[in-house]
Amino acid sequence: MGALIQRVGTNYIPVEDPQKSSRWYQEIIGAVEKYSDHEKAIIDLANQSFFLVKAQSGERANFFNHRGFEHFCMTFEVDGIEKLRELHAYLQEKEVMVGNIEDRGHQGNNFIFIDVDGNKFDVWSELSPDFKERYGIN
């Protein structure tokens, strides 16, 4: 039997103030807000829908792995090392907390950034082959 689930439709990110977080994602990352109320904001980003959900104070999407490392919850992809460097420099200019660009021993390079609520995200310099094929990217 083939996979019945076809794609991820929505991701949920805990935030303290949905409107403040939505503005941050729009201004810094280029998201598009689709809906907002006092409990959530819905944004489109990277071909996905994200719900920025008002959570209890201190809640984050990050988690600690078995070695005690605070881990990010998802990886965004850009098209090549130059785009990775460009995004890294842009986020630094916007005073976003970013980690160093690093070689983790696999294809491409990565860096981590932290949103206005303390949620960690990874960025990878490689677009997935399936994504490239589906959207005709060489």
N, C-alpha and C. Protein backbone atom coordinates (compact mmCIF):
# COMPACT_ATOMS: atom_id res chain seq x y z
N MET A 1 0.84 -1.18 0.00
CA MET A 1 0.00 0.00 0.00
C MET A 1 0.89 1.24 0.00
N GLY A 2 0.55 2.20 -0.82
CA GLY A 2 1.27 3.47 -0.86
C GLY A 2 0.89 4.32 0.33
N ALA A 3 1.62 5.39 0.50
CA ALA A 3 1.34 6.30 1.60
C ALA A 3 -0.02 6.96 1.41
N LEU A 4 -0.83 6.92 2.44
CA LEU A 4 -2.14 7.56 2.38
C LEU A 4 -2.05 9.05 2.69
N ILE A 5 -1.12 9.41 3.53
CA ILE A 5 -0.94 10.82 3.87
C ILE A 5 -0.07 11.45 2.80
N GLN A 6 -0.54 12.54 2.21
CA GLN A 6 0.14 13.14 1.07
C GLN A 6 1.05 14.32 1.40
N ARG A 7 0.71 15.09 2.41
CA ARG A 7 1.56 16.24 2.75
C ARG A 7 1.20 16.77 4.12
N VAL A 8 2.07 17.61 4.65
CA VAL A 8 1.78 18.31 5.89
C VAL A 8 1.01 19.57 5.51
N GLY A 9 -0.17 19.76 6.06
CA GLY A 9 -0.99 20.91 5.73
C GLY A 9 -0.78 22.08 6.66
N THR A 10 -0.63 21.82 7.94
CA THR A 10 -0.54 22.90 8.92
C THR A 10 0.48 22.54 10.00
N ASN A 11 1.24 23.52 10.40
CA ASN A 11 2.14 23.41 11.54
C ASN A 11 1.65 24.38 12.61
N TYR A 12 1.79 24.00 13.87
CA TYR A 12 1.35 24.82 14.99
C TYR A 12 2.57 25.24 15.80
N ILE A 13 2.68 26.55 16.03
CA ILE A 13 3.82 27.09 16.76
C ILE A 13 3.29 27.84 17.99
N PRO A 14 3.79 27.50 19.18
CA PRO A 14 3.34 28.21 20.38
C PRO A 14 3.95 29.61 20.45
N VAL A 15 3.10 30.59 20.74
CA VAL A 15 3.55 31.99 20.85
C VAL A 15 2.85 32.64 22.03
N GLU A 16 3.41 33.73 22.51
CA GLU A 16 2.77 34.45 23.61
C GLU A 16 1.72 35.44 23.13
N ASP A 17 1.98 36.10 22.00
CA ASP A 17 1.07 37.10 21.46
C ASP A 17 0.95 36.86 19.95
N PRO A 18 -0.14 36.25 19.50
CA PRO A 18 -0.28 35.90 18.08
C PRO A 18 -0.10 37.07 17.12
N GLN A 19 -0.62 38.24 17.46
CA GLN A 19 -0.50 39.39 16.57
C GLN A 19 0.95 39.86 16.47
N LYS A 20 1.64 39.94 17.61
CA LYS A 20 3.05 40.34 17.62
C LYS A 20 3.89 39.34 16.82
N SER A 21 3.66 38.06 17.04
CA SER A 21 4.41 37.03 16.34
C SER A 21 4.12 37.06 14.84
N SER A 22 2.86 37.25 14.48
CA SER A 22 2.49 37.33 13.07
C SER A 22 3.21 38.49 12.39
N ARG A 23 3.24 39.65 13.05
CA ARG A 23 3.96 40.80 12.48
C ARG A 23 5.44 40.46 12.28
N TRP A 24 6.03 39.78 13.26
CA TRP A 24 7.44 39.40 13.16
C TRP A 24 7.66 38.50 11.94
N TYR A 25 6.84 37.47 11.81
CA TYR A 25 6.99 36.56 10.68
C TYR A 25 6.75 37.27 9.34
N GLN A 26 5.82 38.20 9.31
CA GLN A 26 5.57 38.95 8.08
C GLN A 26 6.75 39.87 7.75
N GLU A 27 7.20 40.64 8.73
CA GLU A 27 8.24 41.63 8.49
C GLU A 27 9.63 41.02 8.30
N ILE A 28 9.93 39.98 9.04
CA ILE A 28 11.28 39.41 9.02
C ILE A 28 11.41 38.27 8.01
N ILE A 29 10.43 37.38 7.96
CA ILE A 29 10.55 36.17 7.15
C ILE A 29 9.74 36.24 5.85
N GLY A 30 8.84 37.22 5.74
CA GLY A 30 8.06 37.35 4.50
C GLY A 30 6.79 36.51 4.46
N ALA A 31 6.29 36.10 5.62
CA ALA A 31 5.04 35.34 5.68
C ALA A 31 3.87 36.25 5.28
N VAL A 32 2.78 35.61 4.92
CA VAL A 32 1.54 36.33 4.58
C VAL A 32 0.48 35.91 5.59
N GLU A 33 -0.10 36.88 6.28
CA GLU A 33 -1.15 36.58 7.25
C GLU A 33 -2.46 36.34 6.53
N LYS A 34 -3.14 35.24 6.91
CA LYS A 34 -4.43 34.90 6.33
C LYS A 34 -5.59 35.15 7.30
N TYR A 35 -5.29 35.12 8.60
CA TYR A 35 -6.33 35.30 9.61
C TYR A 35 -5.66 35.61 10.94
N SER A 36 -6.35 36.36 11.78
CA SER A 36 -5.83 36.65 13.10
C SER A 36 -6.97 36.96 14.06
N ASP A 37 -6.88 36.43 15.27
CA ASP A 37 -7.76 36.83 16.36
C ASP A 37 -6.93 36.78 17.64
N HIS A 38 -7.55 36.91 18.80
CA HIS A 38 -6.78 36.99 20.05
C HIS A 38 -6.15 35.66 20.46
N GLU A 39 -6.57 34.54 19.85
CA GLU A 39 -6.03 33.23 20.22
C GLU A 39 -5.04 32.65 19.22
N LYS A 40 -5.06 33.16 17.98
CA LYS A 40 -4.19 32.59 16.96
C LYS A 40 -4.04 33.55 15.79
N ALA A 41 -2.99 33.32 15.03
CA ALA A 41 -2.81 33.97 13.73
C ALA A 41 -2.44 32.86 12.76
N ILE A 42 -2.98 32.93 11.57
CA ILE A 42 -2.68 31.93 10.54
C ILE A 42 -1.85 32.63 9.47
N ILE A 43 -0.68 32.07 9.22
CA ILE A 43 0.21 32.65 8.21
C ILE A 43 0.57 31.59 7.18
N ASP A 44 0.85 32.05 5.97
CA ASP A 44 1.40 31.19 4.92
C ASP A 44 2.88 31.49 4.81
N LEU A 45 3.69 30.43 4.81
CA LEU A 45 5.13 30.56 4.74
C LEU A 45 5.70 29.27 4.17
N ALA A 46 6.55 29.40 3.17
CA ALA A 46 7.26 28.24 2.61
C ALA A 46 6.30 27.14 2.15
N ASN A 47 5.25 27.53 1.47
CA ASN A 47 4.27 26.58 0.94
C ASN A 47 3.56 25.78 2.04
N GLN A 48 3.45 26.37 3.22
CA GLN A 48 2.79 25.73 4.34
C GLN A 48 1.91 26.74 5.06
N SER A 49 0.95 26.22 5.79
CA SER A 49 0.13 27.03 6.66
C SER A 49 0.64 26.84 8.09
N PHE A 50 0.86 27.95 8.78
CA PHE A 50 1.31 27.91 10.17
C PHE A 50 0.28 28.60 11.04
N PHE A 51 -0.12 27.95 12.12
CA PHE A 51 -0.96 28.56 13.14
C PHE A 51 -0.04 29.01 14.27
N LEU A 52 -0.03 30.30 14.53
CA LEU A 52 0.70 30.85 15.67
C LEU A 52 -0.30 30.89 16.82
N VAL A 53 -0.21 29.93 17.71
CA VAL A 53 -1.23 29.70 18.73
C VAL A 53 -0.80 30.28 20.07
N LYS A 54 -1.69 31.09 20.66
CA LYS A 54 -1.41 31.65 21.98
C LYS A 54 -1.26 30.50 22.96
N ALA A 55 -0.08 30.43 23.57
CA ALA A 55 0.24 29.33 24.48
C ALA A 55 0.53 29.88 25.87
N GLN A 56 0.69 28.99 26.80
CA GLN A 56 1.09 29.41 28.15
C GLN A 56 2.48 30.03 28.08
N SER A 57 2.74 30.96 28.95
CA SER A 57 4.03 31.64 28.98
C SER A 57 5.17 30.63 29.08
N GLY A 58 6.17 30.82 28.26
CA GLY A 58 7.35 29.95 28.29
C GLY A 58 7.28 28.73 27.41
N GLU A 59 6.13 28.44 26.82
CA GLU A 59 6.01 27.27 25.92
C GLU A 59 6.81 27.53 24.66
N ARG A 60 7.52 26.51 24.18
CA ARG A 60 8.30 26.58 22.95
C ARG A 60 8.12 25.28 22.17
N ALA A 61 8.37 25.37 20.88
CA ALA A 61 8.30 24.17 20.03
C ALA A 61 9.58 23.34 20.14
N ASN A 62 10.62 23.90 20.74
CA ASN A 62 11.90 23.21 20.89
C ASN A 62 11.75 22.03 21.84
N PHE A 63 12.68 21.10 21.75
CA PHE A 63 12.71 19.98 22.70
C PHE A 63 14.15 19.59 22.96
N PHE A 64 14.36 18.86 24.03
CA PHE A 64 15.71 18.41 24.38
C PHE A 64 15.88 16.96 23.95
N ASN A 65 16.97 16.71 23.19
CA ASN A 65 17.23 15.34 22.76
C ASN A 65 17.91 14.56 23.90
N HIS A 66 18.25 13.32 23.63
CA HIS A 66 18.79 12.44 24.67
C HIS A 66 20.16 12.89 25.20
N ARG A 67 20.83 13.78 24.49
CA ARG A 67 22.12 14.30 24.95
C ARG A 67 21.98 15.64 25.68
N GLY A 68 20.75 16.12 25.83
CA GLY A 68 20.51 17.38 26.52
C GLY A 68 20.60 18.60 25.62
N PHE A 69 20.70 18.39 24.31
CA PHE A 69 20.77 19.49 23.33
C PHE A 69 19.37 19.98 23.02
N GLU A 70 19.15 21.30 23.16
CA GLU A 70 17.85 21.86 22.81
C GLU A 70 17.73 21.88 21.29
N HIS A 71 16.79 21.14 20.77
CA HIS A 71 16.66 20.87 19.35
C HIS A 71 15.55 21.72 18.73
N PHE A 72 15.76 22.12 17.50
CA PHE A 72 14.75 22.84 16.72
C PHE A 72 13.65 21.86 16.31
N CYS A 73 12.50 22.42 15.94
CA CYS A 73 11.36 21.56 15.60
C CYS A 73 11.19 21.35 14.10
N MET A 74 11.82 22.17 13.27
CA MET A 74 11.69 21.97 11.82
C MET A 74 12.83 22.65 11.09
N THR A 75 13.02 22.21 9.84
CA THR A 75 14.05 22.76 8.97
C THR A 75 13.41 23.38 7.75
N PHE A 76 13.75 24.62 7.48
CA PHE A 76 13.36 25.28 6.24
C PHE A 76 14.47 25.05 5.22
N GLU A 77 14.13 25.08 3.94
CA GLU A 77 15.11 24.86 2.88
C GLU A 77 15.21 26.09 1.99
N VAL A 78 16.44 26.39 1.57
CA VAL A 78 16.69 27.44 0.57
C VAL A 78 17.43 26.79 -0.59
N ASP A 79 17.51 27.49 -1.70
CA ASP A 79 18.08 26.92 -2.92
C ASP A 79 19.56 27.28 -3.06
N GLY A 80 20.41 26.58 -2.32
CA GLY A 80 21.85 26.73 -2.48
C GLY A 80 22.53 27.50 -1.37
N ILE A 81 23.85 27.33 -1.33
CA ILE A 81 24.67 27.93 -0.28
C ILE A 81 24.64 29.46 -0.34
N GLU A 82 24.58 30.03 -1.53
CA GLU A 82 24.54 31.50 -1.62
C GLU A 82 23.25 32.04 -1.00
N LYS A 83 22.12 31.38 -1.25
CA LYS A 83 20.85 31.80 -0.64
C LYS A 83 20.90 31.63 0.87
N LEU A 84 21.57 30.56 1.33
CA LEU A 84 21.72 30.35 2.77
C LEU A 84 22.51 31.50 3.38
N ARG A 85 23.62 31.85 2.75
CA ARG A 85 24.44 32.96 3.25
C ARG A 85 23.67 34.28 3.21
N GLU A 86 22.92 34.48 2.14
CA GLU A 86 22.12 35.71 2.00
C GLU A 86 21.09 35.82 3.12
N LEU A 87 20.38 34.72 3.38
CA LEU A 87 19.38 34.72 4.45
C LEU A 87 20.04 34.92 5.81
N HIS A 88 21.16 34.26 6.04
CA HIS A 88 21.88 34.38 7.29
C HIS A 88 22.27 35.84 7.55
N ALA A 89 22.84 36.49 6.54
CA ALA A 89 23.24 37.90 6.68
C ALA A 89 22.03 38.80 6.89
N TYR A 90 20.95 38.53 6.14
CA TYR A 90 19.73 39.33 6.28
C TYR A 90 19.17 39.24 7.70
N LEU A 91 19.09 38.02 8.23
CA LEU A 91 18.56 37.84 9.59
C LEU A 91 19.45 38.54 10.61
N GLN A 92 20.76 38.48 10.41
CA GLN A 92 21.66 39.20 11.31
C GLN A 92 21.41 40.70 11.26
N GLU A 93 21.20 41.23 10.05
CA GLU A 93 20.91 42.66 9.90
C GLU A 93 19.63 43.04 10.64
N LYS A 94 18.66 42.13 10.67
CA LYS A 94 17.38 42.36 11.34
C LYS A 94 17.46 42.06 12.83
N GLU A 95 18.67 41.76 13.32
CA GLU A 95 18.94 41.47 14.73
C GLU A 95 18.21 40.24 15.25
N VAL A 96 18.01 39.27 14.35
CA VAL A 96 17.45 37.98 14.73
C VAL A 96 18.60 37.14 15.28
N MET A 97 18.34 36.39 16.34
CA MET A 97 19.36 35.49 16.88
C MET A 97 19.58 34.35 15.89
N VAL A 98 20.81 34.23 15.39
CA VAL A 98 21.17 33.17 14.45
C VAL A 98 22.44 32.48 14.92
N GLY A 99 22.53 31.20 14.59
CA GLY A 99 23.76 30.46 14.85
C GLY A 99 24.69 30.59 13.66
N ASN A 100 25.87 30.04 13.78
CA ASN A 100 26.84 30.04 12.69
C ASN A 100 26.39 29.10 11.58
N ILE A 101 26.79 29.40 10.36
CA ILE A 101 26.60 28.45 9.26
C ILE A 101 27.56 27.31 9.53
N GLU A 102 27.04 26.09 9.47
CA GLU A 102 27.86 24.94 9.82
C GLU A 102 27.71 23.78 8.84
N ASP A 103 28.76 23.01 8.75
CA ASP A 103 28.79 21.76 7.99
C ASP A 103 28.54 20.65 8.99
N ARG A 104 27.43 19.98 8.85
CA ARG A 104 27.06 18.92 9.82
C ARG A 104 27.41 17.52 9.31
N GLY A 105 28.23 17.45 8.26
CA GLY A 105 28.68 16.15 7.78
C GLY A 105 27.77 15.52 6.75
N HIS A 106 26.79 16.26 6.27
CA HIS A 106 25.93 15.77 5.19
C HIS A 106 25.92 16.82 4.10
N GLN A 107 25.24 16.55 3.02
CA GLN A 107 25.18 17.50 1.91
C GLN A 107 24.66 18.85 2.39
N GLY A 108 25.29 19.92 1.91
CA GLY A 108 24.83 21.26 2.23
C GLY A 108 25.29 21.75 3.59
N ASN A 109 24.86 22.96 3.92
CA ASN A 109 25.16 23.59 5.20
C ASN A 109 23.87 24.05 5.85
N ASN A 110 23.94 24.33 7.13
CA ASN A 110 22.78 24.72 7.92
C ASN A 110 23.12 25.85 8.87
N PHE A 111 22.08 26.51 9.35
CA PHE A 111 22.19 27.38 10.51
C PHE A 111 20.84 27.40 11.22
N ILE A 112 20.87 27.82 12.46
CA ILE A 112 19.66 27.90 13.28
C ILE A 112 19.32 29.37 13.50
N PHE A 113 18.01 29.68 13.50
CA PHE A 113 17.57 31.01 13.93
C PHE A 113 16.48 30.84 14.96
N ILE A 114 16.25 31.89 15.74
CA ILE A 114 15.28 31.85 16.83
C ILE A 114 14.27 32.97 16.61
N ASP A 115 12.98 32.63 16.66
CA ASP A 115 11.94 33.63 16.42
C ASP A 115 11.73 34.49 17.66
N VAL A 116 10.80 35.42 17.56
CA VAL A 116 10.53 36.39 18.62
C VAL A 116 10.04 35.72 19.91
N ASP A 117 9.55 34.48 19.82
CA ASP A 117 9.05 33.76 21.00
C ASP A 117 10.04 32.72 21.53
N GLY A 118 11.22 32.63 20.94
CA GLY A 118 12.21 31.66 21.41
C GLY A 118 12.12 30.30 20.75
N ASN A 119 11.30 30.17 19.70
CA ASN A 119 11.24 28.92 18.95
C ASN A 119 12.42 28.84 18.00
N LYS A 120 13.12 27.68 18.02
CA LYS A 120 14.29 27.49 17.16
C LYS A 120 13.87 26.82 15.85
N PHE A 121 14.49 27.30 14.77
CA PHE A 121 14.27 26.71 13.45
C PHE A 121 15.62 26.55 12.77
N ASP A 122 15.71 25.53 11.95
CA ASP A 122 16.90 25.23 11.19
C ASP A 122 16.67 25.67 9.75
N VAL A 123 17.74 26.05 9.07
CA VAL A 123 17.68 26.35 7.64
C VAL A 123 18.77 25.53 6.96
N TRP A 124 18.41 24.87 5.87
CA TRP A 124 19.32 24.00 5.13
C TRP A 124 19.52 24.57 3.74
N SER A 125 20.72 24.46 3.22
CA SER A 125 21.06 25.06 1.93
C SER A 125 20.62 24.23 0.73
N GLU A 126 19.88 23.16 0.95
CA GLU A 126 19.50 22.27 -0.15
C GLU A 126 17.99 22.12 -0.23
N LEU A 127 17.46 22.27 -1.43
CA LEU A 127 16.05 21.95 -1.63
C LEU A 127 15.91 20.45 -1.81
N SER A 128 14.88 19.87 -1.23
CA SER A 128 14.63 18.44 -1.36
C SER A 128 14.44 18.07 -2.83
N PRO A 129 15.01 16.95 -3.28
CA PRO A 129 14.86 16.55 -4.68
C PRO A 129 13.40 16.44 -5.13
N ASP A 130 12.52 15.92 -4.28
CA ASP A 130 11.10 15.82 -4.65
C ASP A 130 10.49 17.20 -4.88
N PHE A 131 10.84 18.17 -4.06
CA PHE A 131 10.33 19.53 -4.20
C PHE A 131 10.81 20.12 -5.51
N LYS A 132 12.10 19.95 -5.81
CA LYS A 132 12.67 20.48 -7.06
C LYS A 132 11.98 19.87 -8.27
N GLU A 133 11.76 18.58 -8.21
CA GLU A 133 11.11 17.90 -9.34
C GLU A 133 9.67 18.37 -9.50
N ARG A 134 8.94 18.44 -8.41
CA ARG A 134 7.54 18.83 -8.45
C ARG A 134 7.34 20.24 -9.01
N TYR A 135 8.27 21.15 -8.67
CA TYR A 135 8.11 22.54 -9.06
C TYR A 135 9.05 22.95 -10.20
N GLY A 136 9.70 21.97 -10.82
CA GLY A 136 10.52 22.25 -12.00
C GLY A 136 11.72 23.14 -11.73
N ILE A 137 12.36 22.93 -10.59
CA ILE A 137 13.54 23.73 -10.22
C ILE A 137 14.78 22.92 -10.55
N ASN A 138 15.68 23.51 -11.32
CA ASN A 138 16.92 22.79 -11.69
C ASN A 138 18.04 23.11 -10.75
